[in-house]
Amino acid sequence: VQLVESGGGLVQPGGSLRLSCAASGFTFSSYAMRWYRQAPGKERELVAVISSVGGNTNYADSVKGRFTISRDNAKNTVYLQMNSLKPEDTAVYYCKAQRGLYDYWGQGTQVTVSS
């Protein structure tokens, strides 16, 4: 089982990034997918969730209207489009696959929002 995040980097405030999480080793289309983030000195927080078939999404209040989660089950990939980025969005972003008691985590990708 493997989840590999990519797309992080340094961006100026107001900019955009698109994170990807490529999955392998399990039946991706059967798992809900989640993006979390963890800033230095803070607890990991849930950012966005998408159901297994992509029909339902949910977001943390802090990112509503700015972030969009999506998935492509044919490519075994989940995405997080991040627009209007703020310095407080700086964190390591992780994807997680979850189905019942089973969950898998990626290794994370750093997002830094700074001028």
C-alpha atoms as a PDB file:
ATOM      1  CA  VAL A   1       0.000   0.000   0.000  1.00  0.00           C
ATOM      2  CA  GLN A   2       1.346   3.391  -0.931  1.00  0.00           C
ATOM      3  CA  LEU A   3       0.075   6.965  -0.949  1.00  0.00           C
ATOM      4  CA  VAL A   4       2.406   9.512  -2.499  1.00  0.00           C
ATOM      5  CA  GLU A   5       1.644  13.213  -2.232  1.00  0.00           C
ATOM      6  CA  SER A   6       3.111  15.774  -4.606  1.00  0.00           C
ATOM      7  CA  GLY A   7       2.589  19.355  -5.693  1.00  0.00           C
ATOM      8  CA  GLY A   8       3.668  21.196  -2.583  1.00  0.00           C
ATOM      9  CA  GLY A   9       6.062  24.120  -2.593  1.00  0.00           C
ATOM     10  CA  LEU A  10       6.539  27.795  -1.888  1.00  0.00           C
ATOM     11  CA  VAL A  11       3.824  30.182  -3.048  1.00  0.00           C
ATOM     12  CA  GLN A  12       3.029  33.824  -2.387  1.00  0.00           C
ATOM     13  CA  PRO A  13      -0.103  34.846  -0.495  1.00  0.00           C
ATOM     14  CA  GLY A  14      -3.069  34.836  -2.849  1.00  0.00           C
ATOM     15  CA  GLY A  15      -1.504  32.183  -5.031  1.00  0.00           C
ATOM     16  CA  SER A  16      -2.629  28.667  -5.882  1.00  0.00           C
ATOM     17  CA  LEU A  17      -1.303  25.146  -5.659  1.00  0.00           C
ATOM     18  CA  ARG A  18      -2.696  21.783  -6.637  1.00  0.00           C
ATOM     19  CA  LEU A  19      -1.745  18.816  -4.513  1.00  0.00           C
ATOM     20  CA  SER A  20      -1.983  15.262  -5.797  1.00  0.00           C
ATOM     21  CA  CYS A  21      -2.013  11.978  -3.928  1.00  0.00           C
ATOM     22  CA  ALA A  22      -1.375   8.865  -6.001  1.00  0.00           C
ATOM     23  CA  ALA A  23      -2.543   5.601  -4.474  1.00  0.00           C
ATOM     24  CA  SER A  24      -1.503   2.020  -5.100  1.00  0.00           C
ATOM     25  CA  GLY A  25      -1.818  -1.368  -3.466  1.00  0.00           C
ATOM     26  CA  PHE A  26      -5.480  -1.208  -2.505  1.00  0.00           C
ATOM     27  CA  THR A  27      -8.889  -0.700  -4.113  1.00  0.00           C
ATOM     28  CA  PHE A  28      -8.799   3.070  -4.271  1.00  0.00           C
ATOM     29  CA  SER A  29     -12.402   3.462  -5.443  1.00  0.00           C
ATOM     30  CA  SER A  30     -13.676   1.769  -2.274  1.00  0.00           C
ATOM     31  CA  TYR A  31     -12.064   4.259   0.082  1.00  0.00           C
ATOM     32  CA  ALA A  32     -13.061   7.719   1.165  1.00  0.00           C
ATOM     33  CA  MET A  33     -10.115  10.083   0.892  1.00  0.00           C
ATOM     34  CA  ARG A  34      -9.088  12.865   3.228  1.00  0.00           C
ATOM     35  CA  TRP A  35      -6.575  15.665   3.247  1.00  0.00           C
ATOM     36  CA  TYR A  36      -5.085  16.730   6.556  1.00  0.00           C
ATOM     37  CA  ARG A  37      -2.500  19.327   7.423  1.00  0.00           C
ATOM     38  CA  GLN A  38      -0.154  19.935  10.304  1.00  0.00           C
ATOM     39  CA  ALA A  39       1.514  23.243  10.989  1.00  0.00           C
ATOM     40  CA  PRO A  40       4.594  23.516  13.230  1.00  0.00           C
ATOM     41  CA  GLY A  41       3.613  23.251  16.882  1.00  0.00           C
ATOM     42  CA  LYS A  42      -0.011  22.463  16.069  1.00  0.00           C
ATOM     43  CA  GLU A  43      -2.127  19.358  15.964  1.00  0.00           C
ATOM     44  CA  ARG A  44      -2.951  17.687  12.682  1.00  0.00           C
ATOM     45  CA  GLU A  45      -6.282  18.956  11.367  1.00  0.00           C
ATOM     46  CA  LEU A  46      -8.745  17.638   8.822  1.00  0.00           C
ATOM     47  CA  VAL A  47      -8.961  19.874   5.770  1.00  0.00           C
ATOM     48  CA  ALA A  48     -11.235  18.101   3.284  1.00  0.00           C
ATOM     49  CA  VAL A  49     -13.026  14.807   2.714  1.00  0.00           C
ATOM     50  CA  ILE A  50     -14.393  13.159  -0.406  1.00  0.00           C
ATOM     51  CA  SER A  51     -16.519  10.030  -0.557  1.00  0.00           C
ATOM     52  CA  SER A  52     -15.410   6.912  -2.390  1.00  0.00           C
ATOM     53  CA  VAL A  53     -17.296   7.747  -5.565  1.00  0.00           C
ATOM     54  CA  GLY A  54     -16.772  11.468  -5.222  1.00  0.00           C
ATOM     55  CA  GLY A  55     -20.367  12.485  -4.746  1.00  0.00           C
ATOM     56  CA  ASN A  56     -19.939  13.978  -1.302  1.00  0.00           C
ATOM     57  CA  THR A  57     -17.344  16.442  -0.074  1.00  0.00           C
ATOM     58  CA  ASN A  58     -16.796  18.321   3.145  1.00  0.00           C
ATOM     59  CA  TYR A  59     -14.372  21.031   4.211  1.00  0.00           C
ATOM     60  CA  ALA A  60     -12.959  22.664   7.283  1.00  0.00           C
ATOM     61  CA  ASP A  61     -14.445  26.123   7.814  1.00  0.00           C
ATOM     62  CA  SER A  62     -10.991  27.648   7.424  1.00  0.00           C
ATOM     63  CA  VAL A  63     -10.706  26.509   3.793  1.00  0.00           C
ATOM     64  CA  LYS A  64     -14.310  26.585   2.549  1.00  0.00           C
ATOM     65  CA  GLY A  65     -14.627  28.502  -0.681  1.00  0.00           C
ATOM     66  CA  ARG A  66     -10.867  28.384  -1.302  1.00  0.00           C
ATOM     67  CA  PHE A  67      -9.994  24.668  -1.468  1.00  0.00           C
ATOM     68  CA  THR A  68     -11.558  21.967  -3.615  1.00  0.00           C
ATOM     69  CA  ILE A  69     -11.072  18.239  -3.177  1.00  0.00           C
ATOM     70  CA  SER A  70     -11.624  15.924  -6.124  1.00  0.00           C
ATOM     71  CA  ARG A  71     -10.682  12.430  -7.215  1.00  0.00           C
ATOM     72  CA  ASP A  72     -10.113  10.421 -10.352  1.00  0.00           C
ATOM     73  CA  ASN A  73     -10.768   6.772  -9.597  1.00  0.00           C
ATOM     74  CA  ALA A  74      -9.458   5.752 -13.023  1.00  0.00           C
ATOM     75  CA  LYS A  75      -6.085   7.245 -12.070  1.00  0.00           C
ATOM     76  CA  ASN A  76      -6.201   6.251  -8.392  1.00  0.00           C
ATOM     77  CA  THR A  77      -5.526   9.852  -7.480  1.00  0.00           C
ATOM     78  CA  VAL A  78      -7.063  12.445  -5.195  1.00  0.00           C
ATOM     79  CA  TYR A  79      -6.426  16.152  -5.602  1.00  0.00           C
ATOM     80  CA  LEU A  80      -6.604  19.268  -3.473  1.00  0.00           C
ATOM     81  CA  GLN A  81      -6.886  22.512  -5.408  1.00  0.00           C
ATOM     82  CA  MET A  82      -5.885  25.362  -3.128  1.00  0.00           C
ATOM     83  CA  ASN A  83      -6.665  28.924  -4.160  1.00  0.00           C
ATOM     84  CA  SER A  84      -6.316  32.281  -2.409  1.00  0.00           C
ATOM     85  CA  LEU A  85      -3.640  30.821  -0.176  1.00  0.00           C
ATOM     86  CA  LYS A  86      -2.842  32.522   3.101  1.00  0.00           C
ATOM     87  CA  PRO A  87       0.255  32.345   5.311  1.00  0.00           C
ATOM     88  CA  GLU A  88      -1.802  30.382   7.838  1.00  0.00           C
ATOM     89  CA  ASP A  89      -2.206  27.623   5.244  1.00  0.00           C
ATOM     90  CA  THR A  90       1.477  26.836   5.675  1.00  0.00           C
ATOM     91  CA  ALA A  91       1.759  23.223   6.813  1.00  0.00           C
ATOM     92  CA  VAL A  92       2.661  19.713   5.801  1.00  0.00           C
ATOM     93  CA  TYR A  93      -0.295  18.279   3.914  1.00  0.00           C
ATOM     94  CA  TYR A  94      -1.124  14.594   4.153  1.00  0.00           C
ATOM     95  CA  CYS A  95      -3.608  12.410   2.322  1.00  0.00           C
ATOM     96  CA  LYS A  96      -5.364   9.530   4.009  1.00  0.00           C
ATOM     97  CA  ALA A  97      -7.439   6.676   2.662  1.00  0.00           C
ATOM     98  CA  GLN A  98     -10.130   5.350   4.962  1.00  0.00           C
ATOM     99  CA  ARG A  99     -12.640   2.533   4.843  1.00  0.00           C
ATOM    100  CA  GLY A 100     -14.119   1.438   8.125  1.00  0.00           C
ATOM    101  CA  LEU A 101     -11.283   0.459  10.462  1.00  0.00           C
ATOM    102  CA  TYR A 102      -8.701   0.494   7.675  1.00  0.00           C
ATOM    103  CA  ASP A 103      -6.700   3.602   6.941  1.00  0.00           C
ATOM    104  CA  TYR A 104      -3.499   4.470   5.110  1.00  0.00           C
ATOM    105  CA  TRP A 105      -1.424   7.652   5.231  1.00  0.00           C
ATOM    106  CA  GLY A 106       0.915   9.335   2.828  1.00  0.00           C
ATOM    107  CA  GLN A 107       4.268  10.814   3.808  1.00  0.00           C
ATOM    108  CA  GLY A 108       3.174  14.430   3.381  1.00  0.00           C
ATOM    109  CA  THR A 109       4.125  17.365   1.205  1.00  0.00           C
ATOM    110  CA  GLN A 110       5.199  20.778   2.465  1.00  0.00           C
ATOM    111  CA  VAL A 111       3.197  23.857   1.525  1.00  0.00           C
ATOM    112  CA  THR A 112       4.687  27.217   2.439  1.00  0.00           C
ATOM    113  CA  VAL A 113       2.787  30.451   1.839  1.00  0.00           C
ATOM    114  CA  SER A 114       5.075  33.427   2.176  1.00  0.00           C
ATOM    115  CA  SER A 115       6.089  36.589   0.410  1.00  0.00           C
END
